[in-house]
Amino acid sequence: MVAMPEPAAPSREQKRPKPVMIGLSEDAILRALLRYHYLTSYQVCRLLYSPGSLTYVQTKLKRLTESQFLHRLFLPRQNQHGSAPSIYT
């Protein structure tokens, strides 16, 4: 009989994300994505918030993604510089 190796214990770097309480703002974002399927952070901001709230929206989207309520996909870059634009679904 061959002994199977023990699964490795999670390292400190693999921290579990904090649980997200689904409040009114998170619910609105999830409903918008349910309706439109794919949105950028800019589109979510424009749809639900004022133009100055982009950082707030990006933070909400990041927390929802870390808690696995959303998926973040990266679009192909049009040039070599800068980061690839991301969409949420």
C-alpha atoms as a PDB file:
ATOM      1  CA  MET A   1       0.000   0.000   0.000  1.00  0.00           C
ATOM      2  CA  VAL A   2       1.270   3.471  -0.912  1.00  0.00           C
ATOM      3  CA  ALA A   3       1.018   6.227   1.682  1.00  0.00           C
ATOM      4  CA  MET A   4      -0.650   9.393   0.434  1.00  0.00           C
ATOM      5  CA  PRO A   5       1.038  12.656   1.433  1.00  0.00           C
ATOM      6  CA  GLU A   6      -0.737  14.843   3.947  1.00  0.00           C
ATOM      7  CA  PRO A   7      -2.288  18.041   2.511  1.00  0.00           C
ATOM      8  CA  ALA A   8      -0.225  21.077   3.353  1.00  0.00           C
ATOM      9  CA  ALA A   9      -1.534  23.345   6.073  1.00  0.00           C
ATOM     10  CA  PRO A  10      -2.568  26.790   4.807  1.00  0.00           C
ATOM     11  CA  SER A  11       0.210  29.316   5.163  1.00  0.00           C
ATOM     12  CA  ARG A  12      -0.188  32.697   6.771  1.00  0.00           C
ATOM     13  CA  GLU A  13      -0.174  34.281   3.325  1.00  0.00           C
ATOM     14  CA  GLN A  14      -3.357  32.410   2.386  1.00  0.00           C
ATOM     15  CA  LYS A  15      -5.624  34.299   4.739  1.00  0.00           C
ATOM     16  CA  ARG A  16      -9.335  33.896   4.447  1.00  0.00           C
ATOM     17  CA  PRO A  17     -11.118  37.080   3.417  1.00  0.00           C
ATOM     18  CA  LYS A  18     -13.254  38.796   5.984  1.00  0.00           C
ATOM     19  CA  PRO A  19     -16.930  37.918   5.642  1.00  0.00           C
ATOM     20  CA  VAL A  20     -18.854  40.571   3.772  1.00  0.00           C
ATOM     21  CA  MET A  21     -22.130  41.795   5.150  1.00  0.00           C
ATOM     22  CA  ILE A  22     -24.434  42.334   2.200  1.00  0.00           C
ATOM     23  CA  GLY A  23     -25.848  45.774   2.822  1.00  0.00           C
ATOM     24  CA  LEU A  24     -27.853  48.017   0.548  1.00  0.00           C
ATOM     25  CA  SER A  25     -24.825  49.171  -1.456  1.00  0.00           C
ATOM     26  CA  GLU A  26     -23.536  45.624  -2.061  1.00  0.00           C
ATOM     27  CA  ASP A  27     -27.048  44.490  -2.953  1.00  0.00           C
ATOM     28  CA  ALA A  28     -27.368  47.303  -5.498  1.00  0.00           C
ATOM     29  CA  ILE A  29     -24.051  46.325  -7.099  1.00  0.00           C
ATOM     30  CA  LEU A  30     -25.023  42.644  -7.260  1.00  0.00           C
ATOM     31  CA  ARG A  31     -28.409  43.520  -8.777  1.00  0.00           C
ATOM     32  CA  ALA A  32     -26.747  45.724 -11.409  1.00  0.00           C
ATOM     33  CA  LEU A  33     -24.425  42.871 -12.353  1.00  0.00           C
ATOM     34  CA  LEU A  34     -27.358  40.480 -12.459  1.00  0.00           C
ATOM     35  CA  ARG A  35     -29.053  42.773 -14.965  1.00  0.00           C
ATOM     36  CA  TYR A  36     -26.066  43.785 -17.126  1.00  0.00           C
ATOM     37  CA  HIS A  37     -23.850  40.668 -16.648  1.00  0.00           C
ATOM     38  CA  TYR A  38     -20.500  42.462 -17.220  1.00  0.00           C
ATOM     39  CA  LEU A  39     -19.550  45.880 -15.833  1.00  0.00           C
ATOM     40  CA  THR A  40     -16.367  47.824 -15.183  1.00  0.00           C
ATOM     41  CA  SER A  41     -15.873  49.681 -11.916  1.00  0.00           C
ATOM     42  CA  TYR A  42     -16.365  52.930 -13.819  1.00  0.00           C
ATOM     43  CA  GLN A  43     -19.719  51.717 -15.178  1.00  0.00           C
ATOM     44  CA  VAL A  44     -20.892  50.624 -11.711  1.00  0.00           C
ATOM     45  CA  CYS A  45     -19.900  54.030 -10.358  1.00  0.00           C
ATOM     46  CA  ARG A  46     -21.704  55.858 -13.122  1.00  0.00           C
ATOM     47  CA  LEU A  47     -24.804  53.681 -12.803  1.00  0.00           C
ATOM     48  CA  LEU A  48     -25.225  53.823  -9.019  1.00  0.00           C
ATOM     49  CA  TYR A  49     -23.065  56.589  -7.521  1.00  0.00           C
ATOM     50  CA  SER A  50     -21.650  60.054  -8.104  1.00  0.00           C
ATOM     51  CA  PRO A  51     -18.519  60.421 -10.276  1.00  0.00           C
ATOM     52  CA  GLY A  52     -16.334  61.101  -7.230  1.00  0.00           C
ATOM     53  CA  SER A  53     -17.157  57.702  -5.702  1.00  0.00           C
ATOM     54  CA  LEU A  54     -14.970  55.574  -7.977  1.00  0.00           C
ATOM     55  CA  THR A  55     -12.540  54.575  -5.194  1.00  0.00           C
ATOM     56  CA  TYR A  56     -15.481  53.599  -2.958  1.00  0.00           C
ATOM     57  CA  VAL A  57     -16.944  51.450  -5.741  1.00  0.00           C
ATOM     58  CA  GLN A  58     -13.583  49.812  -6.448  1.00  0.00           C
ATOM     59  CA  THR A  59     -13.235  48.929  -2.761  1.00  0.00           C
ATOM     60  CA  LYS A  60     -16.724  47.398  -2.693  1.00  0.00           C
ATOM     61  CA  LEU A  61     -16.020  45.395  -5.864  1.00  0.00           C
ATOM     62  CA  LYS A  62     -12.713  44.162  -4.449  1.00  0.00           C
ATOM     63  CA  ARG A  63     -14.348  42.937  -1.238  1.00  0.00           C
ATOM     64  CA  LEU A  64     -17.141  41.218  -3.154  1.00  0.00           C
ATOM     65  CA  THR A  65     -14.563  39.550  -5.408  1.00  0.00           C
ATOM     66  CA  GLU A  66     -12.444  38.395  -2.462  1.00  0.00           C
ATOM     67  CA  SER A  67     -15.575  36.915  -0.859  1.00  0.00           C
ATOM     68  CA  GLN A  68     -16.329  35.125  -4.142  1.00  0.00           C
ATOM     69  CA  PHE A  69     -19.602  36.887  -4.865  1.00  0.00           C
ATOM     70  CA  LEU A  70     -18.078  38.233  -8.109  1.00  0.00           C
ATOM     71  CA  HIS A  71     -15.460  37.240 -10.649  1.00  0.00           C
ATOM     72  CA  ARG A  72     -12.913  39.706 -11.971  1.00  0.00           C
ATOM     73  CA  LEU A  73     -11.803  39.256 -15.576  1.00  0.00           C
ATOM     74  CA  PHE A  74      -9.078  41.154 -17.374  1.00  0.00           C
ATOM     75  CA  LEU A  75      -9.541  42.487 -20.897  1.00  0.00           C
ATOM     76  CA  PRO A  76      -6.655  42.482 -23.382  1.00  0.00           C
ATOM     77  CA  ARG A  77      -4.503  45.587 -23.187  1.00  0.00           C
ATOM     78  CA  GLN A  78      -4.472  47.940 -26.154  1.00  0.00           C
ATOM     79  CA  ASN A  79      -0.880  49.064 -25.548  1.00  0.00           C
ATOM     80  CA  GLN A  80       2.146  47.876 -23.623  1.00  0.00           C
ATOM     81  CA  HIS A  81       1.885  50.383 -20.790  1.00  0.00           C
ATOM     82  CA  GLY A  82      -0.497  50.414 -17.857  1.00  0.00           C
ATOM     83  CA  SER A  83      -2.630  47.701 -16.355  1.00  0.00           C
ATOM     84  CA  ALA A  84      -5.215  45.683 -18.195  1.00  0.00           C
ATOM     85  CA  PRO A  85      -8.787  46.912 -17.760  1.00  0.00           C
ATOM     86  CA  SER A  86     -10.915  44.619 -15.608  1.00  0.00           C
ATOM     87  CA  ILE A  87     -14.581  43.737 -15.748  1.00  0.00           C
ATOM     88  CA  TYR A  88     -16.726  42.152 -13.073  1.00  0.00           C
ATOM     89  CA  THR A  89     -19.314  39.475 -13.506  1.00  0.00           C
END
